[in-house]
Amino acid sequence: FHLMNARRLKLMKPGAVIINTSRGEVIDENALTRGLRAGEIAGAG
């Protein structure tokens, strides 16, 4: 649960993208949204 939390998402390179076809609970969705909006993560599928 939230294995990809806010701290780990911030570790990603700014040009990196994240893909999730497993379970939504593995990613902190609010933190992901903030990272995408701030340009800290390049994209998500």
PDB file of all heavy atoms in Angstrom:
ATOM      1  N   PHE A   1       0.848  -1.196   0.000  1.00  0.00           N
ATOM      2  CA  PHE A   1       0.000   0.000   0.000  1.00  0.00           C
ATOM      3  C   PHE A   1       0.882   1.245   0.000  1.00  0.00           C
ATOM      4  O   PHE A   1       1.759   1.405   0.847  1.00  0.00           O
ATOM      5  CB  PHE A   1      -0.923   0.013   1.224  1.00  0.00           C
ATOM      6  CG  PHE A   1      -1.782   1.246   1.317  1.00  0.00           C
ATOM      7  CD1 PHE A   1      -2.879   1.401   0.483  1.00  0.00           C
ATOM      8  CD2 PHE A   1      -1.467   2.255   2.214  1.00  0.00           C
ATOM      9  CE1 PHE A   1      -3.669   2.541   0.557  1.00  0.00           C
ATOM     10  CE2 PHE A   1      -2.248   3.404   2.295  1.00  0.00           C
ATOM     11  CZ  PHE A   1      -3.355   3.540   1.457  1.00  0.00           C
ATOM     12  N   HIS A   2       0.668   2.124  -0.991  1.00  0.00           N
ATOM     13  CA  HIS A   2       1.459   3.355  -1.143  1.00  0.00           C
ATOM     14  C   HIS A   2       2.958   3.050  -1.158  1.00  0.00           C
ATOM     15  O   HIS A   2       3.757   3.840  -0.645  1.00  0.00           O
ATOM     16  CB  HIS A   2       1.126   4.350  -0.040  1.00  0.00           C
ATOM     17  CG  HIS A   2      -0.152   5.108  -0.293  1.00  0.00           C
ATOM     18  ND1 HIS A   2      -0.546   6.195   0.457  1.00  0.00           N
ATOM     19  CD2 HIS A   2      -1.132   4.927  -1.220  1.00  0.00           C
ATOM     20  CE1 HIS A   2      -1.703   6.653   0.018  1.00  0.00           C
ATOM     21  NE2 HIS A   2      -2.080   5.892  -1.010  1.00  0.00           N
ATOM     22  N   LEU A   3       3.321   1.929  -1.771  1.00  0.00           N
ATOM     23  CA  LEU A   3       4.744   1.628  -1.914  1.00  0.00           C
ATOM     24  C   LEU A   3       5.432   2.753  -2.686  1.00  0.00           C
ATOM     25  O   LEU A   3       6.568   3.127  -2.403  1.00  0.00           O
ATOM     26  CB  LEU A   3       4.919   0.280  -2.632  1.00  0.00           C
ATOM     27  CG  LEU A   3       6.294  -0.364  -2.581  1.00  0.00           C
ATOM     28  CD1 LEU A   3       6.740  -0.608  -1.146  1.00  0.00           C
ATOM     29  CD2 LEU A   3       6.296  -1.677  -3.350  1.00  0.00           C
ATOM     30  N   MET A   4       4.736   3.268  -3.691  1.00  0.00           N
ATOM     31  CA  MET A   4       5.210   4.476  -4.383  1.00  0.00           C
ATOM     32  C   MET A   4       4.554   5.672  -3.701  1.00  0.00           C
ATOM     33  O   MET A   4       3.536   6.205  -4.139  1.00  0.00           O
ATOM     34  CB  MET A   4       4.872   4.408  -5.869  1.00  0.00           C
ATOM     35  CG  MET A   4       5.689   3.386  -6.630  1.00  0.00           C
ATOM     36  SD  MET A   4       7.482   3.697  -6.565  1.00  0.00           S
ATOM     37  CE  MET A   4       7.584   5.246  -7.462  1.00  0.00           C
ATOM     38  N   ASN A   5       5.155   6.066  -2.574  1.00  0.00           N
ATOM     39  CA  ASN A   5       4.625   7.175  -1.783  1.00  0.00           C
ATOM     40  C   ASN A   5       5.232   8.504  -2.244  1.00  0.00           C
ATOM     41  O   ASN A   5       5.994   8.548  -3.216  1.00  0.00           O
ATOM     42  CB  ASN A   5       4.878   6.927  -0.295  1.00  0.00           C
ATOM     43  CG  ASN A   5       6.352   6.653   0.003  1.00  0.00           C
ATOM     44  OD1 ASN A   5       7.231   7.087  -0.742  1.00  0.00           O
ATOM     45  ND2 ASN A   5       6.626   5.935   1.083  1.00  0.00           N
ATOM     46  N   ALA A   6       4.904   9.568  -1.539  1.00  0.00           N
ATOM     47  CA  ALA A   6       5.388  10.896  -1.949  1.00  0.00           C
ATOM     48  C   ALA A   6       6.909  10.959  -1.977  1.00  0.00           C
ATOM     49  O   ALA A   6       7.503  11.545  -2.901  1.00  0.00           O
ATOM     50  CB  ALA A   6       4.822  11.956  -0.998  1.00  0.00           C
ATOM     51  N   ARG A   7       7.544  10.357  -0.998  1.00  0.00           N
ATOM     52  CA  ARG A   7       9.008  10.406  -0.949  1.00  0.00           C
ATOM     53  C   ARG A   7       9.618   9.683  -2.133  1.00  0.00           C
ATOM     54  O   ARG A   7      10.550  10.191  -2.772  1.00  0.00           O
ATOM     55  CB  ARG A   7       9.490   9.769   0.367  1.00  0.00           C
ATOM     56  CG  ARG A   7      11.011   9.811   0.545  1.00  0.00           C
ATOM     57  CD  ARG A   7      11.439   9.059   1.782  1.00  0.00           C
ATOM     58  NE  ARG A   7      11.126   7.636   1.689  1.00  0.00           N
ATOM     59  CZ  ARG A   7      11.855   6.748   1.006  1.00  0.00           C
ATOM     60  NH1 ARG A   7      12.931   7.147   0.326  1.00  0.00           N
ATOM     61  NH2 ARG A   7      11.515   5.482   0.989  1.00  0.00           N
ATOM     62  N   ARG A   8       9.103   8.485  -2.461  1.00  0.00           N
ATOM     63  CA  ARG A   8       9.676   7.724  -3.583  1.00  0.00           C
ATOM     64  C   ARG A   8       9.357   8.387  -4.915  1.00  0.00           C
ATOM     65  O   ARG A   8      10.166   8.368  -5.844  1.00  0.00           O
ATOM     66  CB  ARG A   8       9.163   6.289  -3.563  1.00  0.00           C
ATOM     67  CG  ARG A   8       9.839   5.422  -2.523  1.00  0.00           C
ATOM     68  CD  ARG A   8       9.826   3.967  -2.872  1.00  0.00           C
ATOM     69  NE  ARG A   8      10.556   3.205  -1.876  1.00  0.00           N
ATOM     70  CZ  ARG A   8       9.993   2.550  -0.867  1.00  0.00           C
ATOM     71  NH1 ARG A   8       8.666   2.559  -0.738  1.00  0.00           N
ATOM     72  NH2 ARG A   8      10.720   1.890  -0.009  1.00  0.00           N
ATOM     73  N   LEU A   9       8.181   8.947  -5.055  1.00  0.00           N
ATOM     74  CA  LEU A   9       7.849   9.624  -6.296  1.00  0.00           C
ATOM     75  C   LEU A   9       8.790  10.797  -6.549  1.00  0.00           C
ATOM     76  O   LEU A   9       9.147  11.079  -7.693  1.00  0.00           O
ATOM     77  CB  LEU A   9       6.392  10.096  -6.264  1.00  0.00           C
ATOM     78  CG  LEU A   9       5.339   8.982  -6.349  1.00  0.00           C
ATOM     79  CD1 LEU A   9       3.964   9.528  -5.996  1.00  0.00           C
ATOM     80  CD2 LEU A   9       5.323   8.335  -7.727  1.00  0.00           C
ATOM     81  N   LYS A  10       9.223  11.466  -5.486  1.00  0.00           N
ATOM     82  CA  LYS A  10      10.163  12.576  -5.640  1.00  0.00           C
ATOM     83  C   LYS A  10      11.551  12.101  -6.061  1.00  0.00           C
ATOM     84  O   LYS A  10      12.364  12.894  -6.555  1.00  0.00           O
ATOM     85  CB  LYS A  10      10.243  13.372  -4.337  1.00  0.00           C
ATOM     86  CG  LYS A  10       9.073  14.319  -4.130  1.00  0.00           C
ATOM     87  CD  LYS A  10       9.282  15.172  -2.907  1.00  0.00           C
ATOM     88  CE  LYS A  10       8.168  16.217  -2.782  1.00  0.00           C
ATOM     89  NZ  LYS A  10       8.225  17.199  -3.883  1.00  0.00           N
ATOM     90  N   LEU A  11      11.835  10.815  -5.868  1.00  0.00           N
ATOM     91  CA  LEU A  11      13.120  10.271  -6.301  1.00  0.00           C
ATOM     92  C   LEU A  11      13.188  10.090  -7.818  1.00  0.00           C
ATOM     93  O   LEU A  11      14.281  10.009  -8.381  1.00  0.00           O
ATOM     94  CB  LEU A  11      13.374   8.911  -5.632  1.00  0.00           C
ATOM     95  CG  LEU A  11      13.566   8.891  -4.116  1.00  0.00           C
ATOM     96  CD1 LEU A  11      13.709   7.462  -3.627  1.00  0.00           C
ATOM     97  CD2 LEU A  11      14.783   9.716  -3.713  1.00  0.00           C
ATOM     98  N   MET A  12      12.024  10.024  -8.476  1.00  0.00           N
ATOM     99  CA  MET A  12      12.006   9.797  -9.913  1.00  0.00           C
ATOM    100  C   MET A  12      12.641  10.960 -10.663  1.00  0.00           C
ATOM    101  O   MET A  12      12.551  12.122 -10.250  1.00  0.00           O
ATOM    102  CB  MET A  12      10.564   9.599 -10.406  1.00  0.00           C
ATOM    103  CG  MET A  12       9.918   8.302  -9.939  1.00  0.00           C
ATOM    104  SD  MET A  12       8.186   8.145 -10.470  1.00  0.00           S
ATOM    105  CE  MET A  12       8.365   8.154 -12.264  1.00  0.00           C
ATOM    106  N   LYS A  13      13.295  10.647 -11.789  1.00  0.00           N
ATOM    107  CA  LYS A  13      13.873  11.682 -12.635  1.00  0.00           C
ATOM    108  C   LYS A  13      12.753  12.540 -13.237  1.00  0.00           C
ATOM    109  O   LYS A  13      11.669  12.017 -13.554  1.00  0.00           O
ATOM    110  CB  LYS A  13      14.701  11.043 -13.746  1.00  0.00           C
ATOM    111  CG  LYS A  13      15.872  10.223 -13.238  1.00  0.00           C
ATOM    112  CD  LYS A  13      16.847   9.858 -14.342  1.00  0.00           C
ATOM    113  CE  LYS A  13      16.244   8.983 -15.399  1.00  0.00           C
ATOM    114  NZ  LYS A  13      17.242   8.552 -16.419  1.00  0.00           N
ATOM    115  N   PRO A  14      12.979  13.819 -13.442  1.00  0.00           N
ATOM    116  CA  PRO A  14      11.924  14.682 -14.013  1.00  0.00           C
ATOM    117  C   PRO A  14      11.425  14.211 -15.372  1.00  0.00           C
ATOM    118  O   PRO A  14      10.281  14.481 -15.734  1.00  0.00           O
ATOM    119  CB  PRO A  14      12.610  16.046 -14.102  1.00  0.00           C
ATOM    120  CG  PRO A  14      13.696  15.995 -13.079  1.00  0.00           C
ATOM    121  CD  PRO A  14      14.171  14.583 -13.057  1.00  0.00           C
ATOM    122  N   GLY A  15      12.281  13.527 -16.121  1.00  0.00           N
ATOM    123  CA  GLY A  15      11.861  13.047 -17.433  1.00  0.00           C
ATOM    124  C   GLY A  15      11.260  11.661 -17.426  1.00  0.00           C
ATOM    125  O   GLY A  15      10.934  11.119 -18.488  1.00  0.00           O
ATOM    126  N   ALA A  16      11.078  11.071 -16.242  1.00  0.00           N
ATOM    127  CA  ALA A  16      10.578   9.695 -16.151  1.00  0.00           C
ATOM    128  C   ALA A  16       9.056   9.648 -16.168  1.00  0.00           C
ATOM    129  O   ALA A  16       8.373  10.621 -15.842  1.00  0.00           O
ATOM    130  CB  ALA A  16      11.099   9.038 -14.876  1.00  0.00           C
ATOM    131  N   VAL A  17       8.534   8.476 -16.567  1.00  0.00           N
ATOM    132  CA  VAL A  17       7.092   8.251 -16.552  1.00  0.00           C
ATOM    133  C   VAL A  17       6.806   7.006 -15.718  1.00  0.00           C
ATOM    134  O   VAL A  17       7.671   6.140 -15.545  1.00  0.00           O
ATOM    135  CB  VAL A  17       6.513   8.092 -17.977  1.00  0.00           C
ATOM    136  CG1 VAL A  17       6.824   9.309 -18.819  1.00  0.00           C
ATOM    137  CG2 VAL A  17       7.024   6.827 -18.645  1.00  0.00           C
ATOM    138  N   ILE A  18       5.584   6.924 -15.214  1.00  0.00           N
ATOM    139  CA  ILE A  18       5.170   5.795 -14.392  1.00  0.00           C
ATOM    140  C   ILE A  18       3.923   5.161 -14.987  1.00  0.00           C
ATOM    141  O   ILE A  18       3.012   5.870 -15.432  1.00  0.00           O
ATOM    142  CB  ILE A  18       4.953   6.231 -12.927  1.00  0.00           C
ATOM    143  CG1 ILE A  18       4.725   5.002 -12.026  1.00  0.00           C
ATOM    144  CG2 ILE A  18       3.820   7.240 -12.796  1.00  0.00           C
ATOM    145  CD1 ILE A  18       4.840   5.325 -10.545  1.00  0.00           C
ATOM    146  N   ILE A  19       3.898   3.830 -15.016  1.00  0.00           N
ATOM    147  CA  ILE A  19       2.804   3.066 -15.598  1.00  0.00           C
ATOM    148  C   ILE A  19       2.243   2.134 -14.527  1.00  0.00           C
ATOM    149  O   ILE A  19       3.006   1.464 -13.823  1.00  0.00           O
ATOM    150  CB  ILE A  19       3.303   2.210 -16.797  1.00  0.00           C
ATOM    151  CG1 ILE A  19       4.042   3.074 -17.824  1.00  0.00           C
ATOM    152  CG2 ILE A  19       2.146   1.440 -17.426  1.00  0.00           C
ATOM    153  CD1 ILE A  19       3.210   4.150 -18.467  1.00  0.00           C
ATOM    154  N   ASN A  20       0.924   2.082 -14.408  1.00  0.00           N
ATOM    155  CA  ASN A  20       0.313   1.184 -13.418  1.00  0.00           C
ATOM    156  C   ASN A  20      -0.832   0.400 -14.037  1.00  0.00           C
ATOM    157  O   ASN A  20      -1.856   0.964 -14.408  1.00  0.00           O
ATOM    158  CB  ASN A  20      -0.184   1.970 -12.207  1.00  0.00           C
ATOM    159  CG  ASN A  20      -0.571   1.053 -11.046  1.00  0.00           C
ATOM    160  OD1 ASN A  20      -0.413  -0.172 -11.127  1.00  0.00           O
ATOM    161  ND2 ASN A  20      -1.048   1.641  -9.964  1.00  0.00           N
ATOM    162  N   THR A  21      -0.636  -0.912 -14.171  1.00  0.00           N
ATOM    163  CA  THR A  21      -1.688  -1.814 -14.633  1.00  0.00           C
ATOM    164  C   THR A  21      -2.000  -2.852 -13.567  1.00  0.00           C
ATOM    165  O   THR A  21      -2.619  -3.869 -13.852  1.00  0.00           O
ATOM    166  CB  THR A  21      -1.265  -2.532 -15.931  1.00  0.00           C
ATOM    167  OG1 THR A  21      -0.003  -3.196 -15.711  1.00  0.00           O
ATOM    168  CG2 THR A  21      -1.134  -1.566 -17.088  1.00  0.00           C
ATOM    169  N   SER A  22      -1.579  -2.602 -12.334  1.00  0.00           N
ATOM    170  CA  SER A  22      -1.724  -3.578 -11.261  1.00  0.00           C
ATOM    171  C   SER A  22      -2.877  -3.216 -10.333  1.00  0.00           C
ATOM    172  O   SER A  22      -4.014  -3.623 -10.555  1.00  0.00           O
ATOM    173  CB  SER A  22      -0.406  -3.701 -10.484  1.00  0.00           C
ATOM    174  OG  SER A  22      -0.524  -4.614  -9.424  1.00  0.00           O
ATOM    175  N   ARG A  23      -2.572  -2.437  -9.294  1.00  0.00           N
ATOM    176  CA  ARG A  23      -3.584  -1.974  -8.352  1.00  0.00           C
ATOM    177  C   ARG A  23      -3.307  -0.515  -8.024  1.00  0.00           C
ATOM    178  O   ARG A  23      -2.177  -0.120  -7.756  1.00  0.00           O
ATOM    179  CB  ARG A  23      -3.564  -2.813  -7.067  1.00  0.00           C
ATOM    180  CG  ARG A  23      -4.125  -4.221  -7.229  1.00  0.00           C
ATOM    181  CD  ARG A  23      -5.632  -4.189  -7.473  1.00  0.00           C
ATOM    182  NE  ARG A  23      -6.212  -5.525  -7.526  1.00  0.00           N
ATOM    183  CZ  ARG A  23      -6.399  -6.222  -8.637  1.00  0.00           C
ATOM    184  NH1 ARG A  23      -6.039  -5.695  -9.810  1.00  0.00           N
ATOM    185  NH2 ARG A  23      -6.950  -7.412  -8.605  1.00  0.00           N
ATOM    186  N   GLY A  24      -4.362   0.282  -7.999  1.00  0.00           N
ATOM    187  CA  GLY A  24      -4.208   1.707  -7.773  1.00  0.00           C
ATOM    188  C   GLY A  24      -3.649   2.052  -6.410  1.00  0.00           C
ATOM    189  O   GLY A  24      -2.976   3.072  -6.244  1.00  0.00           O
ATOM    190  N   GLU A  25      -3.911   1.200  -5.414  1.00  0.00           N
ATOM    191  CA  GLU A  25      -3.485   1.505  -4.049  1.00  0.00           C
ATOM    192  C   GLU A  25      -1.971   1.485  -3.875  1.00  0.00           C
ATOM    193  O   GLU A  25      -1.450   1.956  -2.855  1.00  0.00           O
ATOM    194  CB  GLU A  25      -4.120   0.509  -3.066  1.00  0.00           C
ATOM    195  CG  GLU A  25      -5.624   0.584  -2.987  1.00  0.00           C
ATOM    196  CD  GLU A  25      -6.325  -0.341  -3.970  1.00  0.00           C
ATOM    197  OE1 GLU A  25      -5.667  -0.762  -4.957  1.00  0.00           O
ATOM    198  OE2 GLU A  25      -7.507  -0.640  -3.760  1.00  0.00           O
ATOM    199  N   VAL A  26      -1.247   0.949  -4.832  1.00  0.00           N
ATOM    200  CA  VAL A  26       0.215   0.882  -4.710  1.00  0.00           C
ATOM    201  C   VAL A  26       0.838   2.277  -4.834  1.00  0.00           C
ATOM    202  O   VAL A  26       1.917   2.524  -4.312  1.00  0.00           O
ATOM    203  CB  VAL A  26       0.799  -0.088  -5.763  1.00  0.00           C
ATOM    204  CG1 VAL A  26       2.324  -0.139  -5.689  1.00  0.00           C
ATOM    205  CG2 VAL A  26       0.230  -1.495  -5.573  1.00  0.00           C
ATOM    206  N   ILE A  27       0.154   3.196  -5.505  1.00  0.00           N
ATOM    207  CA  ILE A  27       0.654   4.563  -5.685  1.00  0.00           C
ATOM    208  C   ILE A  27      -0.169   5.531  -4.831  1.00  0.00           C
ATOM    209  O   ILE A  27      -1.402   5.445  -4.797  1.00  0.00           O
ATOM    210  CB  ILE A  27       0.573   5.000  -7.158  1.00  0.00           C
ATOM    211  CG1 ILE A  27       1.370   4.054  -8.059  1.00  0.00           C
ATOM    212  CG2 ILE A  27       1.084   6.427  -7.318  1.00  0.00           C
ATOM    213  CD1 ILE A  27       1.287   4.406  -9.529  1.00  0.00           C
ATOM    214  N   ASP A  28       0.503   6.450  -4.166  1.00  0.00           N
ATOM    215  CA  ASP A  28      -0.176   7.554  -3.495  1.00  0.00           C
ATOM    216  C   ASP A  28      -0.656   8.501  -4.594  1.00  0.00           C
ATOM    217  O   ASP A  28       0.122   9.286  -5.149  1.00  0.00           O
ATOM    218  CB  ASP A  28       0.782   8.257  -2.535  1.00  0.00           C
ATOM    219  CG  ASP A  28       0.121   9.398  -1.761  1.00  0.00           C
ATOM    220  OD1 ASP A  28      -0.906   9.929  -2.231  1.00  0.00           O
ATOM    221  OD2 ASP A  28       0.651   9.754  -0.699  1.00  0.00           O
ATOM    222  N   GLU A  29      -1.938   8.414  -4.917  1.00  0.00           N
ATOM    223  CA  GLU A  29      -2.465   9.118  -6.085  1.00  0.00           C
ATOM    224  C   GLU A  29      -2.403  10.634  -5.930  1.00  0.00           C
ATOM    225  O   GLU A  29      -2.134  11.355  -6.899  1.00  0.00           O
ATOM    226  CB  GLU A  29      -3.901   8.660  -6.344  1.00  0.00           C
ATOM    227  CG  GLU A  29      -4.392   8.893  -7.740  1.00  0.00           C
ATOM    228  CD  GLU A  29      -5.677   8.128  -8.016  1.00  0.00           C
ATOM    229  OE1 GLU A  29      -5.596   6.930  -8.354  1.00  0.00           O
ATOM    230  OE2 GLU A  29      -6.749   8.737  -7.867  1.00  0.00           O
ATOM    231  N   ASN A  30      -2.631  11.129  -4.718  1.00  0.00           N
ATOM    232  CA  ASN A  30      -2.557  12.575  -4.509  1.00  0.00           C
ATOM    233  C   ASN A  30      -1.133  13.077  -4.707  1.00  0.00           C
ATOM    234  O   ASN A  30      -0.906  14.123  -5.329  1.00  0.00           O
ATOM    235  CB  ASN A  30      -3.047  12.935  -3.104  1.00  0.00           C
ATOM    236  CG  ASN A  30      -4.554  12.834  -2.976  1.00  0.00           C
ATOM    237  OD1 ASN A  30      -5.276  13.072  -3.936  1.00  0.00           O
ATOM    238  ND2 ASN A  30      -5.022  12.474  -1.791  1.00  0.00           N
ATOM    239  N   ALA A  31      -0.164  12.314  -4.188  1.00  0.00           N
ATOM    240  CA  ALA A  31       1.236  12.715  -4.359  1.00  0.00           C
ATOM    241  C   ALA A  31       1.643  12.635  -5.826  1.00  0.00           C
ATOM    242  O   ALA A  31       2.383  13.496  -6.321  1.00  0.00           O
ATOM    243  CB  ALA A  31       2.133  11.820  -3.508  1.00  0.00           C
ATOM    244  N   LEU A  32       1.157  11.615  -6.530  1.00  0.00           N
ATOM    245  CA  LEU A  32       1.448  11.496  -7.960  1.00  0.00           C
ATOM    246  C   LEU A  32       0.892  12.690  -8.721  1.00  0.00           C
ATOM    247  O   LEU A  32       1.568  13.273  -9.584  1.00  0.00           O
ATOM    248  CB  LEU A  32       0.851  10.196  -8.512  1.00  0.00           C
ATOM    249  CG  LEU A  32       0.953  10.007 -10.026  1.00  0.00           C
ATOM    250  CD1 LEU A  32       2.412   9.910 -10.459  1.00  0.00           C
ATOM    251  CD2 LEU A  32       0.174   8.773 -10.470  1.00  0.00           C
ATOM    252  N   THR A  33      -0.324  13.063  -8.397  1.00  0.00           N
ATOM    253  CA  THR A  33      -0.951  14.200  -9.077  1.00  0.00           C
ATOM    254  C   THR A  33      -0.144  15.477  -8.855  1.00  0.00           C
ATOM    255  O   THR A  33       0.083  16.255  -9.783  1.00  0.00           O
ATOM    256  CB  THR A  33      -2.393  14.388  -8.581  1.00  0.00           C
ATOM    257  OG1 THR A  33      -3.128  13.175  -8.781  1.00  0.00           O
ATOM    258  CG2 THR A  33      -3.087  15.516  -9.321  1.00  0.00           C
ATOM    259  N   ARG A  34       0.304  15.684  -7.617  1.00  0.00           N
ATOM    260  CA  ARG A  34       1.111  16.883  -7.323  1.00  0.00           C
ATOM    261  C   ARG A  34       2.414  16.865  -8.117  1.00  0.00           C
ATOM    262  O   ARG A  34       2.830  17.895  -8.666  1.00  0.00           O
ATOM    263  CB  ARG A  34       1.408  16.952  -5.821  1.00  0.00           C
ATOM    264  CG  ARG A  34       0.198  17.265  -4.951  1.00  0.00           C
ATOM    265  CD  ARG A  34       0.623  17.663  -3.546  1.00  0.00           C
ATOM    266  NE  ARG A  34       1.347  16.584  -2.858  1.00  0.00           N
ATOM    267  CZ  ARG A  34       0.769  15.656  -2.110  1.00  0.00           C
ATOM    268  NH1 ARG A  34      -0.563  15.649  -1.958  1.00  0.00           N
ATOM    269  NH2 ARG A  34       1.488  14.730  -1.498  1.00  0.00           N
ATOM    270  N   GLY A  35       3.051  15.699  -8.192  1.00  0.00           N
ATOM    271  CA  GLY A  35       4.310  15.596  -8.926  1.00  0.00           C
ATOM    272  C   GLY A  35       4.140  15.847 -10.411  1.00  0.00           C
ATOM    273  O   GLY A  35       4.974  16.504 -11.045  1.00  0.00           O
ATOM    274  N   LEU A  36       3.058  15.353 -10.975  1.00  0.00           N
ATOM    275  CA  LEU A  36       2.784  15.560 -12.396  1.00  0.00           C
ATOM    276  C   LEU A  36       2.480  17.024 -12.690  1.00  0.00           C
ATOM    277  O   LEU A  36       2.960  17.593 -13.677  1.00  0.00           O
ATOM    278  CB  LEU A  36       1.608  14.682 -12.828  1.00  0.00           C
ATOM    279  CG  LEU A  36       1.885  13.180 -12.906  1.00  0.00           C
ATOM    280  CD1 LEU A  36       0.575  12.393 -12.916  1.00  0.00           C
ATOM    281  CD2 LEU A  36       2.709  12.837 -14.143  1.00  0.00           C
ATOM    282  N   ARG A  37       1.690  17.654 -11.816  1.00  0.00           N
ATOM    283  CA  ARG A  37       1.329  19.059 -12.018  1.00  0.00           C
ATOM    284  C   ARG A  37       2.543  19.978 -11.883  1.00  0.00           C
ATOM    285  O   ARG A  37       2.648  20.994 -12.571  1.00  0.00           O
ATOM    286  CB  ARG A  37       0.252  19.469 -11.004  1.00  0.00           C
ATOM    287  CG  ARG A  37      -1.113  18.867 -11.276  1.00  0.00           C
ATOM    288  CD  ARG A  37      -2.045  19.057 -10.093  1.00  0.00           C
ATOM    289  NE  ARG A  37      -2.344  20.459  -9.856  1.00  0.00           N
ATOM    290  CZ  ARG A  37      -3.397  21.101 -10.341  1.00  0.00           C
ATOM    291  NH1 ARG A  37      -4.241  20.472 -11.127  1.00  0.00           N
ATOM    292  NH2 ARG A  37      -3.613  22.362 -10.044  1.00  0.00           N
ATOM    293  N   ALA A  38       3.482  19.570 -11.006  1.00  0.00           N
ATOM    294  CA  ALA A  38       4.665  20.402 -10.768  1.00  0.00           C
ATOM    295  C   ALA A  38       5.777  20.145 -11.778  1.00  0.00           C
ATOM    296  O   ALA A  38       6.809  20.823 -11.742  1.00  0.00           O
ATOM    297  CB  ALA A  38       5.189  20.155  -9.358  1.00  0.00           C
ATOM    298  N   GLY A  39       5.583  19.176 -12.676  1.00  0.00           N
ATOM    299  CA  GLY A  39       6.615  18.857 -13.650  1.00  0.00           C
ATOM    300  C   GLY A  39       7.747  18.026 -13.084  1.00  0.00           C
ATOM    301  O   GLY A  39       8.796  17.877 -13.713  1.00  0.00           O
ATOM    302  N   GLU A  40       7.552  17.464 -11.884  1.00  0.00           N
ATOM    303  CA  GLU A  40       8.574  16.611 -11.266  1.00  0.00           C
ATOM    304  C   GLU A  40       8.568  15.206 -11.850  1.00  0.00           C
ATOM    305  O   GLU A  40       9.541  14.475 -11.722  1.00  0.00           O
ATOM    306  CB  GLU A  40       8.347  16.551  -9.754  1.00  0.00           C
ATOM    307  CG  GLU A  40       8.457  17.892  -9.067  1.00  0.00           C
ATOM    308  CD  GLU A  40       7.974  17.872  -7.619  1.00  0.00           C
ATOM    309  OE1 GLU A  40       7.361  16.863  -7.215  1.00  0.00           O
ATOM    310  OE2 GLU A  40       8.204  18.866  -6.912  1.00  0.00           O
ATOM    311  N   ILE A  41       7.470  14.840 -12.497  1.00  0.00           N
ATOM    312  CA  ILE A  41       7.320  13.559 -13.185  1.00  0.00           C
ATOM    313  C   ILE A  41       6.789  13.879 -14.579  1.00  0.00           C
ATOM    314  O   ILE A  41       5.851  14.675 -14.730  1.00  0.00           O
ATOM    315  CB  ILE A  41       6.346  12.625 -12.442  1.00  0.00           C
ATOM    316  CG1 ILE A  41       6.855  12.359 -11.015  1.00  0.00           C
ATOM    317  CG2 ILE A  41       6.164  11.304 -13.196  1.00  0.00           C
ATOM    318  CD1 ILE A  41       5.835  11.656 -10.134  1.00  0.00           C
ATOM    319  N   ALA A  42       7.385  13.273 -15.607  1.00  0.00           N
ATOM    320  CA  ALA A  42       7.043  13.668 -16.982  1.00  0.00           C
ATOM    321  C   ALA A  42       5.669  13.188 -17.421  1.00  0.00           C
ATOM    322  O   ALA A  42       5.002  13.845 -18.217  1.00  0.00           O
ATOM    323  CB  ALA A  42       8.106  13.152 -17.941  1.00  0.00           C
ATOM    324  N   GLY A  43       5.231  12.038 -16.929  1.00  0.00           N
ATOM    325  CA  GLY A  43       3.945  11.536 -17.383  1.00  0.00           C
ATOM    326  C   GLY A  43       3.553  10.270 -16.647  1.00  0.00           C
ATOM    327  O   GLY A  43       4.353   9.661 -15.932  1.00  0.00           O
ATOM    328  N   ALA A  44       2.298   9.854 -16.841  1.00  0.00           N
ATOM    329  CA  ALA A  44       1.783   8.643 -16.206  1.00  0.00           C
ATOM    330  C   ALA A  44       0.758   7.983 -17.111  1.00  0.00           C
ATOM    331  O   ALA A  44      -0.003   8.661 -17.805  1.00  0.00           O
ATOM    332  CB  ALA A  44       1.163   8.965 -14.841  1.00  0.00           C
ATOM    333  N   GLY A  45       0.756   6.661 -17.087  1.00  0.00           N
ATOM    334  CA  GLY A  45      -0.263   5.879 -17.769  1.00  0.00           C
ATOM    335  C   GLY A  45      -0.912   4.965 -16.750  1.00  0.00           C
ATOM    336  O   GLY A  45      -0.263   4.070 -16.205  1.00  0.00           O
TER     337      GLY A  45
END
